[in-house]
Protein backbone atom coordinates (compact mmCIF):
# COMPACT_ATOMS: atom_id res chain seq x y z
CA MET A 1 29.00 121.39 130.68
CA GLU A 2 29.27 125.05 129.74
CA VAL A 3 32.21 125.48 132.12
CA LEU A 4 34.07 122.75 130.24
CA PHE A 5 33.39 124.54 126.97
CA ALA A 6 34.59 127.84 128.47
CA ILE A 7 37.86 126.22 129.56
CA THR A 8 38.26 124.64 126.11
CA ILE A 9 37.67 128.01 124.44
CA GLY A 10 40.26 129.61 126.72
CA VAL A 11 42.83 126.94 125.91
CA LEU A 12 42.17 127.28 122.17
CA VAL A 13 42.54 131.07 122.29
CA ALA A 14 45.74 130.84 124.37
CA ALA A 15 47.27 128.28 121.98
CA SER A 16 46.26 130.31 118.95
CA VAL A 17 47.74 133.53 120.34
CA TYR A 18 50.96 131.67 121.15
CA LEU A 19 51.14 130.29 117.60
CA MET A 20 50.25 133.60 115.98
CA LEU A 21 52.98 135.44 117.91
CA SER A 22 55.70 133.04 116.81
CA ASN A 23 57.94 134.20 114.02
CA HIS A 24 56.85 131.61 111.46
CA LEU A 25 54.20 131.92 108.77
CA LEU A 26 52.87 128.34 108.91
CA ARG A 27 52.42 128.54 112.69
CA PHE A 28 50.52 131.79 112.19
CA ILE A 29 48.12 130.03 109.80
CA PHE A 30 47.54 127.20 112.30
CA GLY A 31 46.92 129.81 115.01
CA LEU A 32 44.38 131.48 112.74
CA VAL A 33 42.57 128.17 112.31
CA LEU A 34 42.57 127.57 116.07
CA ILE A 35 41.17 131.01 116.85
CA SER A 36 38.43 130.57 114.26
CA ASN A 37 37.53 127.24 115.91
CA ALA A 38 37.41 128.99 119.28
CA ALA A 39 35.09 131.64 117.83
CA ASN A 40 32.85 128.92 116.36
CA LEU A 41 32.68 127.15 119.70
CA THR A 42 31.86 130.45 121.42
CA ILE A 43 28.96 131.08 119.05
CA PHE A 44 27.73 127.53 119.53
CA VAL A 45 27.84 127.74 123.34
CA ALA A 46 26.23 131.20 123.35
CA GLY A 47 23.16 129.65 121.69
CA ARG A 48 22.52 127.64 124.89
CA LEU A 49 23.04 123.93 125.02
CA THR A 50 19.86 121.88 125.18
CA ASP A 51 20.35 118.23 125.89
CA GLY A 52 18.44 116.10 123.39
CA ALA A 53 15.90 118.75 122.35
CA PRO A 54 15.24 119.08 118.61
CA PRO A 55 14.91 122.53 117.01
CA LEU A 56 11.15 122.05 116.58
CA ILE A 57 8.14 123.77 118.12
CA PRO A 58 5.03 121.65 118.66
CA VAL A 59 1.93 122.51 116.64
CA GLY A 60 -0.35 124.92 118.49
CA ALA A 61 2.29 126.03 121.02
CA ASP A 62 2.63 129.76 121.65
CA ALA A 63 6.30 129.64 122.60
CA PRO A 64 8.86 126.87 122.61
CA VAL A 65 9.18 125.17 125.96
CA ILE A 66 12.37 123.23 125.31
CA ALA A 67 13.77 123.56 121.81
CA ALA A 68 17.29 123.81 120.47
CA ASN A 69 18.26 127.08 118.85
CA ALA A 70 19.02 126.43 115.19
CA LEU A 71 20.53 129.87 114.45
CA PRO A 72 23.91 129.30 116.17
CA GLN A 73 24.19 125.94 114.44
CA ALA A 74 23.61 127.57 111.04
CA LEU A 75 26.09 130.36 111.82
CA VAL A 76 28.76 127.89 112.92
CA LEU A 77 28.24 125.73 109.84
CA THR A 78 28.65 128.78 107.61
CA ALA A 79 31.72 129.89 109.56
CA ILE A 80 33.29 126.44 109.20
CA VAL A 81 32.87 126.52 105.41
CA ILE A 82 34.29 130.05 105.17
CA GLY A 83 37.14 129.14 107.54
CA PHE A 84 38.05 126.12 105.43
CA GLY A 85 38.14 128.27 102.29
CA LEU A 86 40.36 130.80 104.08
CA PHE A 87 42.64 128.02 105.30
CA ALA A 88 42.97 126.51 101.80
CA PHE A 89 43.76 129.93 100.30
CA ALA A 90 46.30 130.68 103.04
CA ILE A 91 48.04 127.33 102.56
CA VAL A 92 48.37 128.05 98.84
CA LEU A 93 49.89 131.45 99.67
CA VAL A 94 52.30 129.84 102.14
CA PHE A 95 53.33 127.28 99.52
CA ARG A 96 53.87 130.08 96.97
CA ALA A 97 55.95 132.05 99.48
CA TRP A 98 58.03 128.96 100.21
CA THR A 99 58.71 128.22 96.53
CA SER A 100 59.53 131.85 95.73
CA LEU A 101 61.51 132.88 98.81
CA ASN A 102 62.69 129.55 100.29
CA SER A 103 61.70 130.79 103.73
CA LEU A 104 58.62 131.10 105.92
CA THR A 105 60.14 133.55 108.40
CA PRO A 106 58.68 137.06 107.94
CA ASP A 107 62.04 138.69 108.68
CA GLU A 108 63.59 136.91 105.69
CA MET A 109 60.71 137.86 103.35
CA ARG A 110 61.68 141.52 103.15
CA LEU A 111 62.24 141.91 99.42
CA ALA A 112 61.07 145.52 99.10
CA GLU A 113 62.87 146.79 102.20
CA PRO A 114 66.63 147.31 102.35
CA GLU A 115 68.72 145.28 104.76
CA GLU A 116 69.54 146.98 108.01
CA THR A 117 73.19 147.84 108.39
CA PRO A 118 74.77 147.42 111.82
CA LYS A 119 76.06 150.65 113.35
């Protein structure tokens, strides 16, 4: 099962790097979302997968025999909320850039830099 998650994480990272290297702002934002999902999945898998075990320790037990680790689940839940806030803010910035500059290509958003003259 963990091998399947490792392959999924690799595919998500590869797709996100491909999207982030394209010359388009909206694709960059989608790549950022994909790489944050890959990081969340990595944290979740690093906490060890326990099939059907609740995150509870029986009364009187010295150490948990089989119990799910609740810390990665809490970290991933927090990361999902922060990632959604970042995505919403980035989409608003992309919309503002589109309405102001009528382009989402970074090369065409060079307002402060002079145009290059061909030699």
